[in-house]
């Protein structure tokens, strides 16, 4: 059975004055996944997110959240959403707890344990009764995430949620978001410039450039993406020059390094080409210490390749 998208965006267009800045965005995000929304500065990420959460008006296209069209069932749609767009805004003269109490009243949340659960989830318990004016940017980010979690949304949208967080805080937030998606079944949509962090956090990613969607990809597709029909393997050997001479590959398929030989073999051959090469080297008296596939392209590599190759410099024209 086909699963229903928690967030569905179809044909989304948006203009500012006479300039069209979104050109028919199509995107689907599902429960149980962390979806990364990536793009260069000015590509249209935040504009798309603001329309999805009702902070900008919808002009052309369709946005549905949990099956509710935001143009027709706005309140029902927004009841399913929690999020932080840009920086979380809090009353600085109030404590973190009082800020959350104020939000709870607005949401009709009467159970005080909901606040404690949200605060514990973002590891802010020991500072929650201090005034927000004393909070660092990272602590305010955590408080914003706690607020977004209080009504247990089906869709959680976070725009640059790791701003101001130290490495430990980033890891803790990553674990929280992955738990919400994978264990609680929420749909988590995250926009960030930290490619290495997105690679660790996300199940799928969507890339936008110059107001157009380049595509959506699973992380496996990103990791397996490389040019042509060849994949590289690194062989640690006793004599790379001699290994290159006997391996039976053309010079353009072999690179000699210090103590290693890098070879490019057909992808569709499975493990057989590697096994044959290993046997050839050993039969020719060359010691083989290790064999490993060369690291596939990182998310950052693919992002730069796609945005430069297909969309110029990634800026809106």
C-alpha atoms as a PDB file:
ATOM      1  CA  UNK A   1       0.000   0.000   0.000  1.00  0.00           C
ATOM      2  CA  UNK A   2       1.326   3.438  -0.944  1.00  0.00           C
ATOM      3  CA  UNK A   3       2.166   5.494   2.126  1.00  0.00           C
ATOM      4  CA  UNK A   4       0.710   8.972   2.459  1.00  0.00           C
ATOM      5  CA  UNK A   5       3.069  11.913   2.551  1.00  0.00           C
ATOM      6  CA  UNK A   6       2.998  13.940   5.778  1.00  0.00           C
ATOM      7  CA  UNK A   7       4.171  16.973   3.778  1.00  0.00           C
ATOM      8  CA  UNK A   8       3.218  17.214   0.116  1.00  0.00           C
ATOM      9  CA  UNK A   9       4.242  20.185  -2.018  1.00  0.00           C
ATOM     10  CA  UNK A  10       3.112  20.358  -5.657  1.00  0.00           C
ATOM     11  CA  UNK A  11       3.683  23.050  -8.253  1.00  0.00           C
ATOM     12  CA  UNK A  12       4.641  25.670  -5.657  1.00  0.00           C
ATOM     13  CA  UNK A  13       5.404  29.092  -7.141  1.00  0.00           C
ATOM     14  CA  UNK A  14       6.114  32.379  -5.412  1.00  0.00           C
ATOM     15  CA  UNK A  15       6.894  35.871  -6.647  1.00  0.00           C
ATOM     16  CA  UNK A  16       8.326  38.896  -4.900  1.00  0.00           C
ATOM     17  CA  UNK A  17       7.316  41.917  -6.929  1.00  0.00           C
ATOM     18  CA  UNK A  18       7.874  41.007 -10.571  1.00  0.00           C
ATOM     19  CA  UNK A  19      10.476  38.341  -9.827  1.00  0.00           C
ATOM     20  CA  UNK A  20       9.387  34.714  -9.550  1.00  0.00           C
ATOM     21  CA  UNK A  21      11.590  33.123  -6.890  1.00  0.00           C
ATOM     22  CA  UNK A  22      10.014  29.657  -6.686  1.00  0.00           C
ATOM     23  CA  UNK A  23       9.429  27.837  -9.971  1.00  0.00           C
ATOM     24  CA  UNK A  24       7.048  24.937  -9.438  1.00  0.00           C
ATOM     25  CA  UNK A  25       8.507  23.158  -6.396  1.00  0.00           C
ATOM     26  CA  UNK A  26       7.460  19.493  -6.000  1.00  0.00           C
ATOM     27  CA  UNK A  27       8.411  17.597  -2.847  1.00  0.00           C
ATOM     28  CA  UNK A  28       7.084  14.808  -0.619  1.00  0.00           C
ATOM     29  CA  UNK A  29       8.216  13.977   2.911  1.00  0.00           C
ATOM     30  CA  UNK A  30       7.033  10.943   4.880  1.00  0.00           C
ATOM     31  CA  UNK A  31       6.564   9.850   8.472  1.00  0.00           C
ATOM     32  CA  UNK A  32       9.476   7.945   9.976  1.00  0.00           C
ATOM     33  CA  UNK A  33      12.168   9.826   8.080  1.00  0.00           C
ATOM     34  CA  UNK A  34      14.503  12.778   8.524  1.00  0.00           C
ATOM     35  CA  UNK A  35      14.345  14.753   5.286  1.00  0.00           C
ATOM     36  CA  UNK A  36      17.151  17.216   4.573  1.00  0.00           C
ATOM     37  CA  UNK A  37      16.259  20.295   2.538  1.00  0.00           C
ATOM     38  CA  UNK A  38      19.422  21.701   0.983  1.00  0.00           C
ATOM     39  CA  UNK A  39      20.291  24.607  -1.250  1.00  0.00           C
ATOM     40  CA  UNK A  40      22.763  27.475  -1.668  1.00  0.00           C
ATOM     41  CA  UNK A  41      22.046  30.829  -0.046  1.00  0.00           C
ATOM     42  CA  UNK A  42      19.129  32.467  -1.826  1.00  0.00           C
ATOM     43  CA  UNK A  43      17.958  29.221  -3.425  1.00  0.00           C
ATOM     44  CA  UNK A  44      14.438  29.372  -1.948  1.00  0.00           C
ATOM     45  CA  UNK A  45      14.639  26.978   1.032  1.00  0.00           C
ATOM     46  CA  UNK A  46      13.360  29.346   3.693  1.00  0.00           C
ATOM     47  CA  UNK A  47      10.687  30.762   1.367  1.00  0.00           C
ATOM     48  CA  UNK A  48       9.376  27.239   0.744  1.00  0.00           C
ATOM     49  CA  UNK A  49       9.402  26.457   4.466  1.00  0.00           C
ATOM     50  CA  UNK A  50       7.666  29.730   5.380  1.00  0.00           C
ATOM     51  CA  UNK A  51       4.864  28.992   2.929  1.00  0.00           C
ATOM     52  CA  UNK A  52       4.496  25.456   4.305  1.00  0.00           C
ATOM     53  CA  UNK A  53       4.087  26.719   7.885  1.00  0.00           C
ATOM     54  CA  UNK A  54       1.838  29.645   6.983  1.00  0.00           C
ATOM     55  CA  UNK A  55       4.311  32.507   7.463  1.00  0.00           C
ATOM     56  CA  UNK A  56       4.070  33.494   3.784  1.00  0.00           C
ATOM     57  CA  UNK A  57       0.980  33.412   1.609  1.00  0.00           C
ATOM     58  CA  UNK A  58       0.411  30.605  -0.884  1.00  0.00           C
ATOM     59  CA  UNK A  59       0.040  31.963  -4.429  1.00  0.00           C
ATOM     60  CA  UNK A  60       0.252  29.075  -6.885  1.00  0.00           C
ATOM     61  CA  UNK A  61       0.449  25.373  -6.160  1.00  0.00           C
ATOM     62  CA  UNK A  62      -0.658  23.052  -3.406  1.00  0.00           C
ATOM     63  CA  UNK A  63       0.702  22.299   0.066  1.00  0.00           C
ATOM     64  CA  UNK A  64      -0.840  19.509   2.133  1.00  0.00           C
ATOM     65  CA  UNK A  65       0.108  18.548   5.683  1.00  0.00           C
ATOM     66  CA  UNK A  66      -1.250  15.214   6.930  1.00  0.00           C
ATOM     67  CA  UNK A  67      -3.707  15.366   4.039  1.00  0.00           C
ATOM     68  CA  UNK A  68      -4.992  18.854   4.944  1.00  0.00           C
ATOM     69  CA  UNK A  69      -4.700  21.500   2.213  1.00  0.00           C
ATOM     70  CA  UNK A  70      -3.308  24.654   3.851  1.00  0.00           C
ATOM     71  CA  UNK A  71      -5.418  26.809   1.521  1.00  0.00           C
ATOM     72  CA  UNK A  72      -8.655  25.104   2.590  1.00  0.00           C
ATOM     73  CA  UNK A  73      -8.005  23.575   6.020  1.00  0.00           C
ATOM     74  CA  UNK A  74      -5.341  25.866   7.421  1.00  0.00           C
ATOM     75  CA  UNK A  75      -6.026  25.299  11.126  1.00  0.00           C
ATOM     76  CA  UNK A  76      -6.193  21.517  10.778  1.00  0.00           C
ATOM     77  CA  UNK A  77      -2.947  21.526   8.803  1.00  0.00           C
ATOM     78  CA  UNK A  78      -1.107  23.774  11.267  1.00  0.00           C
ATOM     79  CA  UNK A  79      -2.239  21.618  14.192  1.00  0.00           C
ATOM     80  CA  UNK A  80       0.040  18.905  12.778  1.00  0.00           C
ATOM     81  CA  UNK A  81       3.124  21.137  12.552  1.00  0.00           C
ATOM     82  CA  UNK A  82       5.870  22.134  14.953  1.00  0.00           C
ATOM     83  CA  UNK A  83       8.871  24.099  13.871  1.00  0.00           C
ATOM     84  CA  UNK A  84      11.551  26.748  14.075  1.00  0.00           C
ATOM     85  CA  UNK A  85      12.053  29.034  11.102  1.00  0.00           C
ATOM     86  CA  UNK A  86      15.239  31.089  11.331  1.00  0.00           C
ATOM     87  CA  UNK A  87      15.796  31.985  15.034  1.00  0.00           C
ATOM     88  CA  UNK A  88      13.395  30.969  17.822  1.00  0.00           C
ATOM     89  CA  UNK A  89      11.750  34.054  19.354  1.00  0.00           C
ATOM     90  CA  UNK A  90      11.293  33.977  23.126  1.00  0.00           C
ATOM     91  CA  UNK A  91      10.439  36.448  25.881  1.00  0.00           C
ATOM     92  CA  UNK A  92      13.908  37.167  27.239  1.00  0.00           C
ATOM     93  CA  UNK A  93      12.690  38.612  30.537  1.00  0.00           C
ATOM     94  CA  UNK A  94      10.882  35.338  31.332  1.00  0.00           C
ATOM     95  CA  UNK A  95      12.381  32.004  32.312  1.00  0.00           C
ATOM     96  CA  UNK A  96      12.543  29.164  29.832  1.00  0.00           C
ATOM     97  CA  UNK A  97       9.820  27.343  31.726  1.00  0.00           C
ATOM     98  CA  UNK A  98       7.523  30.385  31.715  1.00  0.00           C
ATOM     99  CA  UNK A  99       8.006  30.736  27.979  1.00  0.00           C
ATOM    100  CA  UNK A 100       6.919  27.139  27.523  1.00  0.00           C
ATOM    101  CA  UNK A 101       3.962  27.657  29.862  1.00  0.00           C
ATOM    102  CA  UNK A 102       2.857  30.603  27.749  1.00  0.00           C
ATOM    103  CA  UNK A 103       3.066  28.464  24.609  1.00  0.00           C
ATOM    104  CA  UNK A 104       1.193  25.635  26.356  1.00  0.00           C
ATOM    105  CA  UNK A 105      -1.694  28.017  27.145  1.00  0.00           C
ATOM    106  CA  UNK A 106      -1.831  29.086  23.502  1.00  0.00           C
ATOM    107  CA  UNK A 107      -1.941  25.444  22.410  1.00  0.00           C
ATOM    108  CA  UNK A 108      -4.460  24.403  25.059  1.00  0.00           C
ATOM    109  CA  UNK A 109      -1.967  22.066  26.733  1.00  0.00           C
ATOM    110  CA  UNK A 110      -2.886  21.637  30.413  1.00  0.00           C
ATOM    111  CA  UNK A 111      -0.678  18.733  31.509  1.00  0.00           C
ATOM    112  CA  UNK A 112       2.505  20.192  33.120  1.00  0.00           C
ATOM    113  CA  UNK A 113       4.398  16.952  32.490  1.00  0.00           C
ATOM    114  CA  UNK A 114       4.380  17.809  28.771  1.00  0.00           C
ATOM    115  CA  UNK A 115       6.764  20.691  29.484  1.00  0.00           C
ATOM    116  CA  UNK A 116       9.060  18.511  31.579  1.00  0.00           C
ATOM    117  CA  UNK A 117       9.173  15.837  28.851  1.00  0.00           C
ATOM    118  CA  UNK A 118      10.034  18.347  26.131  1.00  0.00           C
ATOM    119  CA  UNK A 119      12.708  20.007  28.277  1.00  0.00           C
ATOM    120  CA  UNK A 120      14.261  16.649  29.160  1.00  0.00           C
ATOM    121  CA  UNK A 121      14.301  15.661  25.486  1.00  0.00           C
ATOM    122  CA  UNK A 122      16.550  18.628  24.629  1.00  0.00           C
ATOM    123  CA  UNK A 123      18.625  18.284  27.834  1.00  0.00           C
ATOM    124  CA  UNK A 124      17.805  21.715  29.242  1.00  0.00           C
ATOM    125  CA  UNK A 125      16.380  20.618  32.603  1.00  0.00           C
ATOM    126  CA  UNK A 126      19.096  22.168  34.762  1.00  0.00           C
ATOM    127  CA  UNK A 127      18.724  25.619  33.147  1.00  0.00           C
ATOM    128  CA  UNK A 128      15.004  25.789  32.369  1.00  0.00           C
ATOM    129  CA  UNK A 129      14.182  28.023  35.360  1.00  0.00           C
ATOM    130  CA  UNK A 130      16.700  30.722  34.398  1.00  0.00           C
ATOM    131  CA  UNK A 131      15.745  33.789  32.395  1.00  0.00           C
ATOM    132  CA  UNK A 132      16.139  33.429  28.644  1.00  0.00           C
ATOM    133  CA  UNK A 133      18.260  36.613  28.649  1.00  0.00           C
ATOM    134  CA  UNK A 134      20.998  34.510  30.263  1.00  0.00           C
ATOM    135  CA  UNK A 135      20.790  31.780  27.615  1.00  0.00           C
ATOM    136  CA  UNK A 136      23.409  31.302  24.921  1.00  0.00           C
ATOM    137  CA  UNK A 137      22.242  31.029  21.306  1.00  0.00           C
ATOM    138  CA  UNK A 138      22.594  27.267  21.534  1.00  0.00           C
ATOM    139  CA  UNK A 139      20.406  27.133  24.645  1.00  0.00           C
ATOM    140  CA  UNK A 140      17.757  29.246  22.936  1.00  0.00           C
ATOM    141  CA  UNK A 141      17.851  26.812  20.016  1.00  0.00           C
ATOM    142  CA  UNK A 142      17.215  23.940  22.423  1.00  0.00           C
ATOM    143  CA  UNK A 143      14.359  25.828  24.048  1.00  0.00           C
ATOM    144  CA  UNK A 144      12.863  26.457  20.619  1.00  0.00           C
ATOM    145  CA  UNK A 145      13.028  22.757  19.773  1.00  0.00           C
ATOM    146  CA  UNK A 146      11.408  21.912  23.124  1.00  0.00           C
ATOM    147  CA  UNK A 147       8.580  24.306  22.308  1.00  0.00           C
ATOM    148  CA  UNK A 148       8.134  22.757  18.873  1.00  0.00           C
ATOM    149  CA  UNK A 149       7.878  19.282  20.428  1.00  0.00           C
ATOM    150  CA  UNK A 150       5.279  20.049  23.090  1.00  0.00           C
ATOM    151  CA  UNK A 151       2.146  19.237  21.104  1.00  0.00           C
ATOM    152  CA  UNK A 152       3.770  16.113  19.581  1.00  0.00           C
ATOM    153  CA  UNK A 153       3.525  17.232  15.943  1.00  0.00           C
ATOM    154  CA  UNK A 154       3.361  14.778  13.048  1.00  0.00           C
ATOM    155  CA  UNK A 155       5.547  17.187  11.056  1.00  0.00           C
ATOM    156  CA  UNK A 156       8.550  18.934  12.607  1.00  0.00           C
ATOM    157  CA  UNK A 157      10.236  21.583  10.426  1.00  0.00           C
ATOM    158  CA  UNK A 158      13.535  23.078  11.568  1.00  0.00           C
ATOM    159  CA  UNK A 159      15.431  25.765   9.649  1.00  0.00           C
ATOM    160  CA  UNK A 160      19.126  25.728  10.622  1.00  0.00           C
ATOM    161  CA  UNK A 161      18.473  24.098  14.024  1.00  0.00           C
ATOM    162  CA  UNK A 162      22.160  23.580  14.866  1.00  0.00           C
ATOM    163  CA  UNK A 163      23.028  27.301  14.883  1.00  0.00           C
ATOM    164  CA  UNK A 164      24.999  28.118  18.010  1.00  0.00           C
ATOM    165  CA  UNK A 165      25.316  24.516  19.186  1.00  0.00           C
ATOM    166  CA  UNK A 166      28.680  23.038  20.146  1.00  0.00           C
ATOM    167  CA  UNK A 167      29.677  19.611  18.720  1.00  0.00           C
ATOM    168  CA  UNK A 168      28.150  17.772  21.682  1.00  0.00           C
ATOM    169  CA  UNK A 169      24.919  19.754  21.347  1.00  0.00           C
ATOM    170  CA  UNK A 170      24.770  19.044  17.615  1.00  0.00           C
ATOM    171  CA  UNK A 171      25.131  15.307  18.219  1.00  0.00           C
ATOM    172  CA  UNK A 172      22.474  15.368  20.944  1.00  0.00           C
ATOM    173  CA  UNK A 173      20.049  17.243  18.678  1.00  0.00           C
ATOM    174  CA  UNK A 174      20.766  14.813  15.854  1.00  0.00           C
ATOM    175  CA  UNK A 175      19.960  11.879  18.135  1.00  0.00           C
ATOM    176  CA  UNK A 176      16.727  13.583  19.269  1.00  0.00           C
ATOM    177  CA  UNK A 177      15.535  14.186  15.712  1.00  0.00           C
ATOM    178  CA  UNK A 178      16.417  10.693  14.528  1.00  0.00           C
ATOM    179  CA  UNK A 179      14.582   9.227  17.523  1.00  0.00           C
ATOM    180  CA  UNK A 180      11.501  11.329  16.776  1.00  0.00           C
ATOM    181  CA  UNK A 181      11.467  10.095  13.199  1.00  0.00           C
ATOM    182  CA  UNK A 182      12.566   6.487  13.516  1.00  0.00           C
ATOM    183  CA  UNK A 183      10.986   5.592  16.866  1.00  0.00           C
ATOM    184  CA  UNK A 184       7.978   7.931  17.081  1.00  0.00           C
ATOM    185  CA  UNK A 185       7.132   7.989  13.369  1.00  0.00           C
ATOM    186  CA  UNK A 186       7.302  11.775  12.968  1.00  0.00           C
ATOM    187  CA  UNK A 187       8.292  13.433   9.721  1.00  0.00           C
ATOM    188  CA  UNK A 188      11.299  15.667  10.436  1.00  0.00           C
ATOM    189  CA  UNK A 189      12.318  18.215   7.794  1.00  0.00           C
ATOM    190  CA  UNK A 190      15.648  19.937   8.422  1.00  0.00           C
ATOM    191  CA  UNK A 191      17.311  22.739   6.490  1.00  0.00           C
ATOM    192  CA  UNK A 192      21.013  23.247   7.178  1.00  0.00           C
ATOM    193  CA  UNK A 193      24.337  24.224   5.611  1.00  0.00           C
ATOM    194  CA  UNK A 194      26.274  21.641   7.654  1.00  0.00           C
ATOM    195  CA  UNK A 195      26.654  18.956   4.982  1.00  0.00           C
ATOM    196  CA  UNK A 196      28.585  16.527   7.163  1.00  0.00           C
ATOM    197  CA  UNK A 197      25.872  16.730   9.823  1.00  0.00           C
ATOM    198  CA  UNK A 198      23.061  16.303   7.287  1.00  0.00           C
ATOM    199  CA  UNK A 199      24.825  13.232   5.942  1.00  0.00           C
ATOM    200  CA  UNK A 200      24.773  11.692   9.424  1.00  0.00           C
ATOM    201  CA  UNK A 201      21.214  12.758  10.211  1.00  0.00           C
ATOM    202  CA  UNK A 202      19.091  12.375   7.081  1.00  0.00           C
ATOM    203  CA  UNK A 203      17.403   9.432   5.392  1.00  0.00           C
ATOM    204  CA  UNK A 204      16.621  11.409   2.230  1.00  0.00           C
ATOM    205  CA  UNK A 205      17.559  14.835   0.950  1.00  0.00           C
ATOM    206  CA  UNK A 206      16.029  17.302  -1.487  1.00  0.00           C
ATOM    207  CA  UNK A 207      18.208  19.832  -3.304  1.00  0.00           C
ATOM    208  CA  UNK A 208      16.891  23.198  -4.472  1.00  0.00           C
ATOM    209  CA  UNK A 209      18.784  25.800  -6.528  1.00  0.00           C
ATOM    210  CA  UNK A 210      17.674  29.067  -8.108  1.00  0.00           C
ATOM    211  CA  UNK A 211      14.089  28.431  -7.008  1.00  0.00           C
ATOM    212  CA  UNK A 212      13.796  25.039  -8.724  1.00  0.00           C
ATOM    213  CA  UNK A 213      13.954  21.541  -7.291  1.00  0.00           C
ATOM    214  CA  UNK A 214      16.903  19.601  -8.691  1.00  0.00           C
ATOM    215  CA  UNK A 215      15.710  16.331  -7.169  1.00  0.00           C
ATOM    216  CA  UNK A 216      15.312  14.147  -4.089  1.00  0.00           C
ATOM    217  CA  UNK A 217      17.707  11.338  -3.235  1.00  0.00           C
ATOM    218  CA  UNK A 218      18.074   8.657  -0.598  1.00  0.00           C
ATOM    219  CA  UNK A 219      21.381   8.681   1.258  1.00  0.00           C
ATOM    220  CA  UNK A 220      22.209   5.344  -0.396  1.00  0.00           C
ATOM    221  CA  UNK A 221      21.786   6.985  -3.779  1.00  0.00           C
ATOM    222  CA  UNK A 222      24.104   9.780  -2.691  1.00  0.00           C
ATOM    223  CA  UNK A 223      26.726   7.346  -1.408  1.00  0.00           C
ATOM    224  CA  UNK A 224      26.601   5.194  -4.546  1.00  0.00           C
ATOM    225  CA  UNK A 225      26.737   8.109  -6.941  1.00  0.00           C
ATOM    226  CA  UNK A 226      29.970   8.249  -8.959  1.00  0.00           C
ATOM    227  CA  UNK A 227      30.942   8.916 -12.545  1.00  0.00           C
ATOM    228  CA  UNK A 228      30.547   6.258 -15.215  1.00  0.00           C
ATOM    229  CA  UNK A 229      30.403   2.494 -14.794  1.00  0.00           C
ATOM    230  CA  UNK A 230      33.619   2.150 -12.784  1.00  0.00           C
ATOM    231  CA  UNK A 231      34.342   2.039  -9.059  1.00  0.00           C
ATOM    232  CA  UNK A 232      37.688   2.545  -7.409  1.00  0.00           C
ATOM    233  CA  UNK A 233      39.499   0.154  -5.085  1.00  0.00           C
ATOM    234  CA  UNK A 234      42.653   0.863  -3.092  1.00  0.00           C
ATOM    235  CA  UNK A 235      45.142  -1.998  -2.753  1.00  0.00           C
ATOM    236  CA  UNK A 236      47.936  -1.826  -0.185  1.00  0.00           C
ATOM    237  CA  UNK A 237      50.780  -3.817  -1.767  1.00  0.00           C
ATOM    238  CA  UNK A 238      54.506  -4.452  -1.350  1.00  0.00           C
ATOM    239  CA  UNK A 239      55.434  -3.056  -4.796  1.00  0.00           C
ATOM    240  CA  UNK A 240      52.845  -0.752  -6.471  1.00  0.00           C
ATOM    241  CA  UNK A 241      54.910  -0.364  -9.670  1.00  0.00           C
ATOM    242  CA  UNK A 242      55.227  -4.111 -10.175  1.00  0.00           C
ATOM    243  CA  UNK A 243      51.559  -4.551  -9.268  1.00  0.00           C
ATOM    244  CA  UNK A 244      50.551  -2.034 -11.939  1.00  0.00           C
ATOM    245  CA  UNK A 245      52.644  -3.896 -14.513  1.00  0.00           C
ATOM    246  CA  UNK A 246      51.034  -7.292 -13.930  1.00  0.00           C
ATOM    247  CA  UNK A 247      47.439  -6.361 -13.051  1.00  0.00           C
ATOM    248  CA  UNK A 248      46.271  -6.476 -16.671  1.00  0.00           C
ATOM    249  CA  UNK A 249      44.522  -3.080 -16.636  1.00  0.00           C
ATOM    250  CA  UNK A 250      45.059  -0.187 -19.037  1.00  0.00           C
ATOM    251  CA  UNK A 251      47.137   2.752 -17.707  1.00  0.00           C
ATOM    252  CA  UNK A 252      44.071   5.008 -17.443  1.00  0.00           C
ATOM    253  CA  UNK A 253      42.537   2.526 -14.989  1.00  0.00           C
ATOM    254  CA  UNK A 254      45.536   2.444 -12.619  1.00  0.00           C
ATOM    255  CA  UNK A 255      47.076   5.040 -10.283  1.00  0.00           C
ATOM    256  CA  UNK A 256      50.326   4.318  -8.448  1.00  0.00           C
ATOM    257  CA  UNK A 257      50.774   5.779  -4.985  1.00  0.00           C
ATOM    258  CA  UNK A 258      53.143   5.353  -2.065  1.00  0.00           C
ATOM    259  CA  UNK A 259      52.586   1.772  -0.965  1.00  0.00           C
ATOM    260  CA  UNK A 260      49.201   1.595  -2.687  1.00  0.00           C
ATOM    261  CA  UNK A 261      47.704   0.906  -6.077  1.00  0.00           C
ATOM    262  CA  UNK A 262      44.340   2.438  -6.976  1.00  0.00           C
ATOM    263  CA  UNK A 263      42.408   0.580  -9.665  1.00  0.00           C
ATOM    264  CA  UNK A 264      39.115   1.295 -11.417  1.00  0.00           C
ATOM    265  CA  UNK A 265      36.984  -1.783 -12.026  1.00  0.00           C
ATOM    266  CA  UNK A 266      33.561  -2.358 -13.598  1.00  0.00           C
ATOM    267  CA  UNK A 267      30.687  -1.852 -11.165  1.00  0.00           C
ATOM    268  CA  UNK A 268      28.509  -4.585 -12.619  1.00  0.00           C
ATOM    269  CA  UNK A 269      31.131  -7.277 -12.110  1.00  0.00           C
ATOM    270  CA  UNK A 270      30.399  -7.629  -8.421  1.00  0.00           C
ATOM    271  CA  UNK A 271      33.269  -9.010  -6.328  1.00  0.00           C
ATOM    272  CA  UNK A 272      34.711 -11.204  -9.099  1.00  0.00           C
ATOM    273  CA  UNK A 273      37.050  -8.570 -10.684  1.00  0.00           C
ATOM    274  CA  UNK A 274      38.564  -7.783  -7.283  1.00  0.00           C
ATOM    275  CA  UNK A 275      39.072 -11.483  -6.530  1.00  0.00           C
ATOM    276  CA  UNK A 276      40.758 -12.055  -9.912  1.00  0.00           C
ATOM    277  CA  UNK A 277      43.066  -9.079  -9.370  1.00  0.00           C
ATOM    278  CA  UNK A 278      44.019 -10.296  -5.896  1.00  0.00           C
ATOM    279  CA  UNK A 279      44.866 -13.732  -7.267  1.00  0.00           C
ATOM    280  CA  UNK A 280      46.955 -12.248 -10.090  1.00  0.00           C
ATOM    281  CA  UNK A 281      49.047 -10.155  -7.721  1.00  0.00           C
ATOM    282  CA  UNK A 282      49.700 -13.040  -5.332  1.00  0.00           C
ATOM    283  CA  UNK A 283      50.586 -15.426  -8.188  1.00  0.00           C
ATOM    284  CA  UNK A 284      53.156 -12.880  -9.363  1.00  0.00           C
ATOM    285  CA  UNK A 285      54.843 -12.722  -5.974  1.00  0.00           C
ATOM    286  CA  UNK A 286      53.415  -9.373  -4.855  1.00  0.00           C
ATOM    287  CA  UNK A 287      52.343  -9.173  -1.238  1.00  0.00           C
ATOM    288  CA  UNK A 288      48.785  -7.867  -0.805  1.00  0.00           C
ATOM    289  CA  UNK A 289      48.127  -6.376   2.634  1.00  0.00           C
ATOM    290  CA  UNK A 290      44.626  -4.948   2.259  1.00  0.00           C
ATOM    291  CA  UNK A 291      41.911  -4.075  -0.248  1.00  0.00           C
ATOM    292  CA  UNK A 292      39.229  -1.463   0.330  1.00  0.00           C
ATOM    293  CA  UNK A 293      36.787   0.418  -1.886  1.00  0.00           C
ATOM    294  CA  UNK A 294      37.550   4.093  -2.225  1.00  0.00           C
ATOM    295  CA  UNK A 295      35.114   6.291  -0.337  1.00  0.00           C
ATOM    296  CA  UNK A 296      32.127   7.178  -2.454  1.00  0.00           C
ATOM    297  CA  UNK A 297      31.109  10.775  -3.022  1.00  0.00           C
ATOM    298  CA  UNK A 298      30.062  12.652   0.075  1.00  0.00           C
ATOM    299  CA  UNK A 299      26.844  14.625   0.304  1.00  0.00           C
ATOM    300  CA  UNK A 300      28.934  17.785   0.004  1.00  0.00           C
ATOM    301  CA  UNK A 301      30.528  16.515  -3.242  1.00  0.00           C
ATOM    302  CA  UNK A 302      27.139  15.686  -4.767  1.00  0.00           C
ATOM    303  CA  UNK A 303      25.580  18.949  -3.590  1.00  0.00           C
ATOM    304  CA  UNK A 304      28.333  21.050  -5.174  1.00  0.00           C
ATOM    305  CA  UNK A 305      28.303  18.979  -8.349  1.00  0.00           C
ATOM    306  CA  UNK A 306      24.538  19.242  -8.831  1.00  0.00           C
ATOM    307  CA  UNK A 307      24.141  22.914  -7.933  1.00  0.00           C
ATOM    308  CA  UNK A 308      27.093  24.010 -10.075  1.00  0.00           C
ATOM    309  CA  UNK A 309      26.461  21.635 -12.964  1.00  0.00           C
ATOM    310  CA  UNK A 310      22.722  22.159 -13.344  1.00  0.00           C
ATOM    311  CA  UNK A 311      22.040  25.513 -11.773  1.00  0.00           C
ATOM    312  CA  UNK A 312      25.072  27.694 -12.303  1.00  0.00           C
ATOM    313  CA  UNK A 313      26.187  29.375  -9.101  1.00  0.00           C
ATOM    314  CA  UNK A 314      22.991  28.514  -7.215  1.00  0.00           C
ATOM    315  CA  UNK A 315      21.752  32.087  -6.891  1.00  0.00           C
ATOM    316  CA  UNK A 316      18.285  33.272  -7.844  1.00  0.00           C
ATOM    317  CA  UNK A 317      18.258  35.327 -11.039  1.00  0.00           C
END
